[in-house]
Amino acid sequence: MAGYRTRWAVAAALVGVVGAGSVACGGGEDSPGAQVSEAVSAVPDLWASATAEAQRRFDEIKGGIDAKKDVTLGDPVRGRDGRTTVEVDVRNTADRTRSFLVQVDFTDPDGGFEDAVVVTVSDVPAGKSGTGTARSTHELPGDVRAEVERALRY
């Protein structure tokens, strides 16, 4: 049931993004209703694109170990360009230098999907921590939260 709710939240969140693009591009119909209709029909493609790219990056890692518990995020900060960044801290509990691949999902206050980005924190020495920065792929509206969707140590 939570997956179903998440898909609808993703669709609702992306309607605004696609709708803005429809207005900027101009279509055959200038009415707001037509623009929203176009936006709604494109939502699955946009969500699929964001998650497919993240999945592709994770599929490239062979022999990675789940490291979600070793990742913490700072507070999201909105830049002058409207894009949101968040500091990603990883702790290497392994006995040798490792790298981390972390998917950060940006959500609205209700948990609705806004964006997904993947960040690599490379060559973290054994027993040490490393940092990286996750940056949204586009301008995000208002108050957003960041959460670790998944992480691999390799």
Protein backbone atom coordinates (compact mmCIF):
# COMPACT_ATOMS: atom_id res chain seq x y z
CA MET A 1 0.00 0.00 0.00
CA ALA A 2 2.87 2.40 0.77
CA GLY A 3 4.30 1.86 -2.75
CA TYR A 4 0.96 2.76 -4.28
CA ARG A 5 0.81 5.97 -2.22
CA THR A 6 4.38 6.80 -3.16
CA ARG A 7 3.65 6.44 -6.89
CA TRP A 8 0.75 8.86 -6.57
CA ALA A 9 2.90 11.26 -4.57
CA VAL A 10 5.55 11.06 -7.29
CA ALA A 11 2.95 11.83 -9.91
CA ALA A 12 1.61 14.80 -7.99
CA ALA A 13 5.06 16.22 -7.32
CA LEU A 14 6.15 15.99 -10.94
CA VAL A 15 2.99 17.56 -12.33
CA GLY A 16 4.27 21.00 -11.32
CA VAL A 17 7.65 20.44 -12.94
CA VAL A 18 6.20 19.16 -16.20
CA GLY A 19 3.47 21.79 -16.17
CA ALA A 20 6.08 24.53 -15.96
CA GLY A 21 7.86 22.98 -18.94
CA SER A 22 4.62 22.81 -20.91
CA VAL A 23 3.99 26.50 -20.32
CA ALA A 24 7.52 27.42 -21.37
CA CYS A 25 7.45 25.28 -24.52
CA GLY A 26 3.96 26.25 -25.59
CA GLY A 27 1.81 23.56 -27.13
CA GLY A 28 -1.07 23.27 -29.49
CA GLU A 29 -3.43 24.15 -26.67
CA ASP A 30 -2.88 27.19 -24.47
CA SER A 31 -5.47 26.31 -21.84
CA PRO A 32 -4.24 25.39 -18.35
CA GLY A 33 -6.35 22.23 -18.47
CA ALA A 34 -4.56 21.01 -21.59
CA GLN A 35 -1.18 21.76 -20.03
CA VAL A 36 -2.03 19.84 -16.87
CA SER A 37 -3.29 16.93 -18.96
CA GLU A 38 0.02 16.85 -20.88
CA ALA A 39 1.92 17.07 -17.59
CA VAL A 40 0.03 14.19 -16.01
CA SER A 41 0.65 11.95 -19.01
CA ALA A 42 4.42 12.62 -18.83
CA VAL A 43 4.76 12.01 -15.06
CA PRO A 44 5.46 8.26 -15.26
CA ASP A 45 8.26 8.90 -17.77
CA LEU A 46 9.93 11.51 -15.56
CA TRP A 47 9.73 9.36 -12.43
CA ALA A 48 10.97 6.34 -14.37
CA SER A 49 13.84 8.36 -15.79
CA ALA A 50 15.06 9.54 -12.37
CA THR A 51 14.86 6.11 -10.80
CA ALA A 52 16.21 4.30 -13.87
CA GLU A 53 19.39 6.38 -13.83
CA ALA A 54 19.89 5.63 -10.14
CA GLN A 55 19.27 1.93 -10.76
CA ARG A 56 21.76 1.91 -13.64
CA ARG A 57 24.45 3.34 -11.38
CA PHE A 58 23.75 0.75 -8.66
CA ASP A 59 23.72 -2.08 -11.22
CA GLU A 60 27.29 -1.16 -12.20
CA ILE A 61 28.53 -2.05 -8.70
CA LYS A 62 29.45 -5.71 -8.34
CA GLY A 63 29.92 -7.16 -4.86
CA GLY A 64 28.72 -4.07 -3.00
CA ILE A 65 27.51 -4.33 0.60
CA ASP A 66 24.45 -2.52 1.98
CA ALA A 67 25.79 0.52 3.83
CA LYS A 68 22.64 2.53 4.45
CA LYS A 69 23.25 2.46 8.21
CA ASP A 70 26.69 4.02 7.65
CA VAL A 71 25.33 7.12 5.90
CA THR A 72 24.03 10.32 7.47
CA LEU A 73 22.72 13.41 5.75
CA GLY A 74 22.98 17.05 6.69
CA ASP A 75 20.13 19.51 6.37
CA PRO A 76 19.00 20.36 2.83
CA VAL A 77 20.05 23.84 1.68
CA ARG A 78 18.45 25.67 -1.22
CA GLY A 79 20.94 27.55 -3.38
CA ARG A 80 20.48 30.77 -5.29
CA ASP A 81 19.78 28.74 -8.42
CA GLY A 82 16.87 26.98 -6.66
CA ARG A 83 18.65 23.64 -6.56
CA THR A 84 18.89 21.87 -3.24
CA THR A 85 22.09 20.40 -1.84
CA VAL A 86 22.69 18.16 1.13
CA GLU A 87 25.94 16.95 2.67
CA VAL A 88 26.40 13.18 2.61
CA ASP A 89 28.62 11.69 5.33
CA VAL A 90 29.73 8.07 5.10
CA ARG A 91 31.56 5.98 7.71
CA ASN A 92 33.80 3.19 6.49
CA THR A 93 33.59 0.34 9.00
CA ALA A 94 35.54 -2.02 6.73
CA ASP A 95 39.16 -3.02 7.28
CA ARG A 96 40.42 -1.35 4.07
CA THR A 97 39.74 1.68 1.88
CA ARG A 98 36.29 1.58 0.29
CA SER A 99 34.03 3.78 -1.83
CA PHE A 100 30.32 4.43 -1.36
CA LEU A 101 27.44 4.92 -3.78
CA VAL A 102 24.49 6.67 -2.13
CA GLN A 103 21.02 7.43 -3.55
CA VAL A 104 19.46 10.49 -1.95
CA ASP A 105 15.76 11.11 -2.48
CA PHE A 106 14.38 14.61 -2.04
CA THR A 107 10.78 14.66 -0.83
CA ASP A 108 8.19 17.23 0.11
CA PRO A 109 7.07 17.49 3.77
CA ASP A 110 4.37 14.85 3.15
CA GLY A 111 6.89 12.37 1.72
CA GLY A 112 6.02 13.02 -1.92
CA PHE A 113 8.89 12.39 -4.32
CA GLU A 114 10.61 15.47 -5.76
CA ASP A 115 13.97 14.19 -7.09
CA ALA A 116 16.51 11.38 -6.81
CA VAL A 117 20.27 11.80 -7.13
CA VAL A 118 23.22 9.47 -6.75
CA VAL A 119 26.50 10.57 -5.22
CA THR A 120 29.80 8.70 -4.97
CA VAL A 121 32.15 9.17 -2.03
CA SER A 122 35.41 7.61 -3.17
CA ASP A 123 38.39 6.11 -1.37
CA VAL A 124 37.35 6.43 2.26
CA PRO A 125 40.13 4.95 4.45
CA ALA A 126 39.34 2.09 6.83
CA GLY A 127 37.79 3.33 10.06
CA LYS A 128 37.40 6.89 8.72
CA SER A 129 34.61 9.04 7.35
CA GLY A 130 34.20 10.78 4.03
CA THR A 131 31.82 13.38 2.67
CA GLY A 132 30.15 14.25 -0.59
CA THR A 133 27.38 16.55 -1.73
CA ALA A 134 24.10 15.52 -3.30
CA ARG A 135 22.64 18.24 -5.56
CA SER A 136 19.14 18.12 -6.98
CA THR A 137 18.87 17.84 -10.74
CA HIS A 138 16.47 20.75 -10.99
CA GLU A 139 14.92 23.54 -8.93
CA LEU A 140 12.82 22.12 -6.12
CA PRO A 141 9.82 23.94 -4.70
CA GLY A 142 9.61 25.08 -1.09
CA ASP A 143 10.50 22.94 1.87
CA VAL A 144 12.16 19.65 0.94
CA ARG A 145 13.61 16.83 2.96
CA ALA A 146 16.42 14.46 2.05
CA GLU A 147 16.59 10.78 2.87
CA VAL A 148 18.95 7.96 2.06
CA GLU A 149 17.07 5.62 -0.25
CA ARG A 150 19.94 3.14 -0.52
CA ALA A 151 23.71 2.96 -0.19
CA LEU A 152 26.44 0.51 -1.14
CA ARG A 153 29.98 0.17 0.13
CA TYR A 154 32.32 -1.36 -2.43
